[in-house]
Amino acid sequence: MPAGVHGDCSLSEKGKGPPRFTVRIDQQLAEETQVYILLHEWAHALSWGSESHRIRAHGPEWGIAMSRIWQALVED
């Protein structure tokens, strides 16, 4: 990963069926940080769906997805 990048999410397969995403996380980070980055990148995947090219990286759709993830964690 490039310096300063701790994780990323990308659409890895386009075509028929649901979109597939790849999430990469820097394994040199502390475990707690890796979990937070996983949740952050998961929110990208949830907000993008198959429209990753049309959604701002940290726009309102991402914020809603992140809120839903945190809400699910708190409720369980």
C-alpha atoms as a PDB file:
ATOM      1  CA  MET A   1       0.000   0.000   0.000  1.00  0.00           C
ATOM      2  CA  PRO A   2       1.169   3.552  -0.619  1.00  0.00           C
ATOM      3  CA  ALA A   3       2.611   5.438   2.342  1.00  0.00           C
ATOM      4  CA  GLY A   4      -0.113   6.981   4.479  1.00  0.00           C
ATOM      5  CA  VAL A   5      -2.786   4.579   3.240  1.00  0.00           C
ATOM      6  CA  HIS A   6      -3.956   2.148   5.916  1.00  0.00           C
ATOM      7  CA  GLY A   7      -6.733   0.499   3.939  1.00  0.00           C
ATOM      8  CA  ASP A   8      -8.818   0.702   0.817  1.00  0.00           C
ATOM      9  CA  CYS A   9     -11.908  -0.701  -0.834  1.00  0.00           C
ATOM     10  CA  SER A  10     -12.391  -1.280  -4.529  1.00  0.00           C
ATOM     11  CA  LEU A  11     -14.994  -2.805  -6.801  1.00  0.00           C
ATOM     12  CA  SER A  12     -13.253  -5.985  -7.892  1.00  0.00           C
ATOM     13  CA  GLU A  13     -15.773  -7.519 -10.259  1.00  0.00           C
ATOM     14  CA  LYS A  14     -18.390  -5.995 -12.498  1.00  0.00           C
ATOM     15  CA  GLY A  15     -21.007  -7.936 -14.376  1.00  0.00           C
ATOM     16  CA  LYS A  16     -23.920 -10.170 -13.538  1.00  0.00           C
ATOM     17  CA  GLY A  17     -24.916 -10.683  -9.953  1.00  0.00           C
ATOM     18  CA  PRO A  18     -24.174  -8.545  -6.923  1.00  0.00           C
ATOM     19  CA  PRO A  19     -21.050  -6.384  -6.918  1.00  0.00           C
ATOM     20  CA  ARG A  20     -17.910  -7.820  -5.315  1.00  0.00           C
ATOM     21  CA  PHE A  21     -15.501  -5.685  -3.378  1.00  0.00           C
ATOM     22  CA  THR A  22     -11.933  -6.105  -2.233  1.00  0.00           C
ATOM     23  CA  VAL A  23     -10.907  -4.558   1.081  1.00  0.00           C
ATOM     24  CA  ARG A  24      -7.206  -4.275   1.902  1.00  0.00           C
ATOM     25  CA  ILE A  25      -5.904  -3.377   5.360  1.00  0.00           C
ATOM     26  CA  ASP A  26      -2.336  -2.685   6.483  1.00  0.00           C
ATOM     27  CA  GLN A  27      -1.468  -5.657   8.693  1.00  0.00           C
ATOM     28  CA  GLN A  28       1.251  -3.704  10.480  1.00  0.00           C
ATOM     29  CA  LEU A  29      -1.402  -1.714  12.357  1.00  0.00           C
ATOM     30  CA  ALA A  30      -2.716  -2.560  15.801  1.00  0.00           C
ATOM     31  CA  GLU A  31      -5.639  -5.008  15.741  1.00  0.00           C
ATOM     32  CA  GLU A  32      -8.113  -2.423  17.080  1.00  0.00           C
ATOM     33  CA  THR A  33      -7.116  -0.012  14.296  1.00  0.00           C
ATOM     34  CA  GLN A  34      -7.509  -2.758  11.694  1.00  0.00           C
ATOM     35  CA  VAL A  35     -11.062  -3.408  12.895  1.00  0.00           C
ATOM     36  CA  TYR A  36     -11.952   0.289  12.642  1.00  0.00           C
ATOM     37  CA  ILE A  37     -10.484   0.466   9.127  1.00  0.00           C
ATOM     38  CA  LEU A  38     -12.435  -2.650   8.131  1.00  0.00           C
ATOM     39  CA  LEU A  39     -15.678  -0.998   9.272  1.00  0.00           C
ATOM     40  CA  HIS A  40     -14.739   2.207   7.437  1.00  0.00           C
ATOM     41  CA  GLU A  41     -14.037   0.346   4.183  1.00  0.00           C
ATOM     42  CA  TRP A  42     -17.145  -1.821   4.614  1.00  0.00           C
ATOM     43  CA  ALA A  43     -19.183   1.396   4.725  1.00  0.00           C
ATOM     44  CA  HIS A  44     -17.674   2.315   1.343  1.00  0.00           C
ATOM     45  CA  ALA A  45     -18.775  -1.016  -0.120  1.00  0.00           C
ATOM     46  CA  LEU A  46     -22.283  -0.667   1.319  1.00  0.00           C
ATOM     47  CA  SER A  47     -22.701   2.889   0.094  1.00  0.00           C
ATOM     48  CA  TRP A  48     -21.276   2.294  -3.357  1.00  0.00           C
ATOM     49  CA  GLY A  49     -23.118  -0.862  -4.369  1.00  0.00           C
ATOM     50  CA  SER A  50     -22.582  -1.114  -8.108  1.00  0.00           C
ATOM     51  CA  GLU A  51     -22.427   2.691  -8.437  1.00  0.00           C
ATOM     52  CA  SER A  52     -18.949   3.288  -6.987  1.00  0.00           C
ATOM     53  CA  HIS A  53     -18.118   5.769  -9.743  1.00  0.00           C
ATOM     54  CA  ARG A  54     -21.113   7.979  -8.847  1.00  0.00           C
ATOM     55  CA  ILE A  55     -20.856   8.180  -5.051  1.00  0.00           C
ATOM     56  CA  ARG A  56     -18.533  10.598  -3.211  1.00  0.00           C
ATOM     57  CA  ALA A  57     -16.012   8.720  -1.064  1.00  0.00           C
ATOM     58  CA  HIS A  58     -17.168  10.243   2.253  1.00  0.00           C
ATOM     59  CA  GLY A  59     -20.454  11.759   1.170  1.00  0.00           C
ATOM     60  CA  PRO A  60     -23.892  11.340   2.724  1.00  0.00           C
ATOM     61  CA  GLU A  61     -24.349   7.776   1.445  1.00  0.00           C
ATOM     62  CA  TRP A  62     -21.126   6.721   3.145  1.00  0.00           C
ATOM     63  CA  GLY A  63     -22.161   8.459   6.379  1.00  0.00           C
ATOM     64  CA  ILE A  64     -25.481   6.618   6.420  1.00  0.00           C
ATOM     65  CA  ALA A  65     -23.750   3.282   5.781  1.00  0.00           C
ATOM     66  CA  MET A  66     -21.228   3.958   8.572  1.00  0.00           C
ATOM     67  CA  SER A  67     -24.049   4.869  10.956  1.00  0.00           C
ATOM     68  CA  ARG A  68     -25.864   1.636  10.148  1.00  0.00           C
ATOM     69  CA  ILE A  69     -22.725  -0.406  10.787  1.00  0.00           C
ATOM     70  CA  TRP A  70     -22.142   1.232  14.196  1.00  0.00           C
ATOM     71  CA  GLN A  71     -25.817   0.858  15.081  1.00  0.00           C
ATOM     72  CA  ALA A  72     -25.676  -2.873  14.263  1.00  0.00           C
ATOM     73  CA  LEU A  73     -22.600  -3.262  16.468  1.00  0.00           C
ATOM     74  CA  VAL A  74     -24.187  -1.463  19.411  1.00  0.00           C
ATOM     75  CA  GLU A  75     -27.436  -3.419  19.177  1.00  0.00           C
ATOM     76  CA  ASP A  76     -25.697  -6.821  19.247  1.00  0.00           C
END
